[in-house]
Amino acid sequence: MADPTIRPELRPFRAALSAYSVRCLTHLAQAAPLGGYTPGAATAVPVIVPYSAWAWNRLRRCGLVTWRLLWRSAEIGGAVSVPSVLIAHCLTRQLLRERGDSQAICHATG
């Protein structure tokens, strides 16, 4: 089995895959309190979960990731995705306010 630490060029991909994998949870977590559909909720489970499972399994079987490295990548991906989501929501709220779309502001702010 190859040592995954000798493939530093895969670090950005592993972090991006981790962030993408976590997106499923964010879509479902956003839909739950609203009690309805939010953009991405319909595709989160049928698209993100199978691809993420396939990609992580493929990397693991090729010796390019270990369970330890998978969890480390998940930590990095989570650390990247949480601030990204918060920044995106703040920018969206600001743009909606500037546009004067009061109904959309109510939906964007919960």
Protein backbone atom coordinates (compact mmCIF):
# COMPACT_ATOMS: atom_id res chain seq x y z
CA MET A 1 0.00 0.00 0.00
CA ALA A 2 1.36 3.41 -0.96
CA ASP A 3 2.10 5.93 1.75
CA PRO A 4 -0.54 8.68 1.29
CA THR A 5 1.75 11.26 2.87
CA ILE A 6 4.06 11.13 -0.17
CA ARG A 7 1.25 12.47 -2.38
CA PRO A 8 1.00 16.10 -1.23
CA GLU A 9 -0.63 17.08 -4.54
CA LEU A 10 -3.75 15.22 -3.36
CA ARG A 11 -4.17 17.37 -0.23
CA PRO A 12 -6.32 20.00 -1.98
CA PHE A 13 -8.49 17.28 -3.56
CA ARG A 14 -8.95 15.48 -0.23
CA ALA A 15 -9.88 18.75 1.48
CA ALA A 16 -12.29 19.65 -1.33
CA LEU A 17 -13.82 16.17 -1.25
CA SER A 18 -14.24 16.49 2.51
CA ALA A 19 -15.94 19.86 2.17
CA TYR A 20 -18.18 18.46 -0.57
CA SER A 21 -19.03 15.44 1.60
CA VAL A 22 -19.97 17.71 4.51
CA ARG A 23 -22.28 19.74 2.22
CA CYS A 24 -24.86 16.99 2.44
CA LEU A 25 -25.13 17.61 6.17
CA THR A 26 -25.38 21.38 5.72
CA HIS A 27 -28.18 21.06 3.16
CA LEU A 28 -30.17 18.76 5.42
CA ALA A 29 -29.42 20.86 8.50
CA GLN A 30 -30.74 23.96 6.73
CA ALA A 31 -33.92 22.22 5.59
CA ALA A 32 -34.79 20.79 9.02
CA PRO A 33 -35.51 24.04 10.92
CA LEU A 34 -37.33 25.56 7.95
CA GLY A 35 -39.50 22.47 7.70
CA GLY A 36 -39.28 22.40 3.95
CA TYR A 37 -37.15 22.44 0.86
CA THR A 38 -33.94 24.44 0.67
CA PRO A 39 -31.78 24.65 -2.46
CA GLY A 40 -29.67 21.53 -2.69
CA ALA A 41 -31.69 19.40 -0.28
CA ALA A 42 -33.21 17.31 -3.08
CA THR A 43 -29.82 16.39 -4.53
CA ALA A 44 -27.82 16.16 -1.31
CA VAL A 45 -28.56 12.53 -0.50
CA PRO A 46 -28.92 10.98 -3.98
CA VAL A 47 -25.87 12.78 -5.46
CA ILE A 48 -23.41 13.85 -2.74
CA VAL A 49 -23.56 10.72 -0.56
CA PRO A 50 -22.97 8.14 -3.32
CA TYR A 51 -20.19 10.15 -4.99
CA SER A 52 -18.44 10.87 -1.71
CA ALA A 53 -18.63 7.23 -0.62
CA TRP A 54 -17.34 6.06 -4.01
CA ALA A 55 -14.49 8.62 -4.13
CA TRP A 56 -13.29 7.96 -0.57
CA ASN A 57 -13.49 4.20 -1.10
CA ARG A 58 -11.59 4.46 -4.39
CA LEU A 59 -8.84 6.57 -2.81
CA ARG A 60 -8.60 4.11 0.08
CA ARG A 61 -8.45 1.03 -2.18
CA CYS A 62 -5.72 2.66 -4.31
CA GLY A 63 -3.69 3.29 -1.15
CA LEU A 64 -3.98 7.06 -1.50
CA VAL A 65 -5.81 7.59 1.78
CA THR A 66 -5.96 5.82 5.11
CA TRP A 67 -8.78 5.97 7.65
CA ARG A 68 -6.62 8.30 9.76
CA LEU A 69 -5.98 10.57 6.79
CA LEU A 70 -9.66 10.44 5.84
CA TRP A 71 -10.63 11.80 9.26
CA ARG A 72 -7.87 14.40 9.07
CA SER A 73 -9.19 15.49 5.67
CA ALA A 74 -12.69 15.68 7.13
CA GLU A 75 -11.42 18.02 9.82
CA ILE A 76 -9.77 20.26 7.22
CA GLY A 77 -12.80 20.13 4.93
CA GLY A 78 -15.10 21.02 7.81
CA ALA A 79 -12.82 23.85 8.85
CA VAL A 80 -12.98 25.21 5.30
CA SER A 81 -16.68 24.64 4.62
CA VAL A 82 -18.14 26.14 7.80
CA PRO A 83 -16.60 29.62 7.32
CA SER A 84 -17.37 29.43 3.58
CA VAL A 85 -21.06 28.78 4.25
CA LEU A 86 -21.24 31.55 6.84
CA ILE A 87 -19.56 34.04 4.51
CA ALA A 88 -21.90 33.04 1.65
CA HIS A 89 -24.95 33.55 3.86
CA CYS A 90 -23.74 36.96 5.06
CA LEU A 91 -23.02 38.10 1.51
CA THR A 92 -26.42 36.87 0.33
CA ARG A 93 -28.19 38.76 3.12
CA GLN A 94 -26.26 41.92 2.26
CA LEU A 95 -27.05 41.63 -1.46
CA LEU A 96 -30.74 41.06 -0.74
CA ARG A 97 -30.85 44.12 1.51
CA GLU A 98 -29.18 46.26 -1.16
CA ARG A 99 -31.69 44.97 -3.70
CA GLY A 100 -34.56 45.72 -1.35
CA ASP A 101 -36.06 42.24 -1.55
CA SER A 102 -37.69 42.14 1.91
CA GLN A 103 -39.45 38.80 1.39
CA ALA A 104 -36.19 37.10 0.36
CA ILE A 105 -34.42 38.68 3.36
CA CYS A 106 -36.92 37.07 5.71
CA HIS A 107 -36.28 33.67 4.13
CA ALA A 108 -32.49 34.17 4.08
CA THR A 109 -32.30 35.17 7.74
CA GLY A 110 -34.65 32.47 9.02
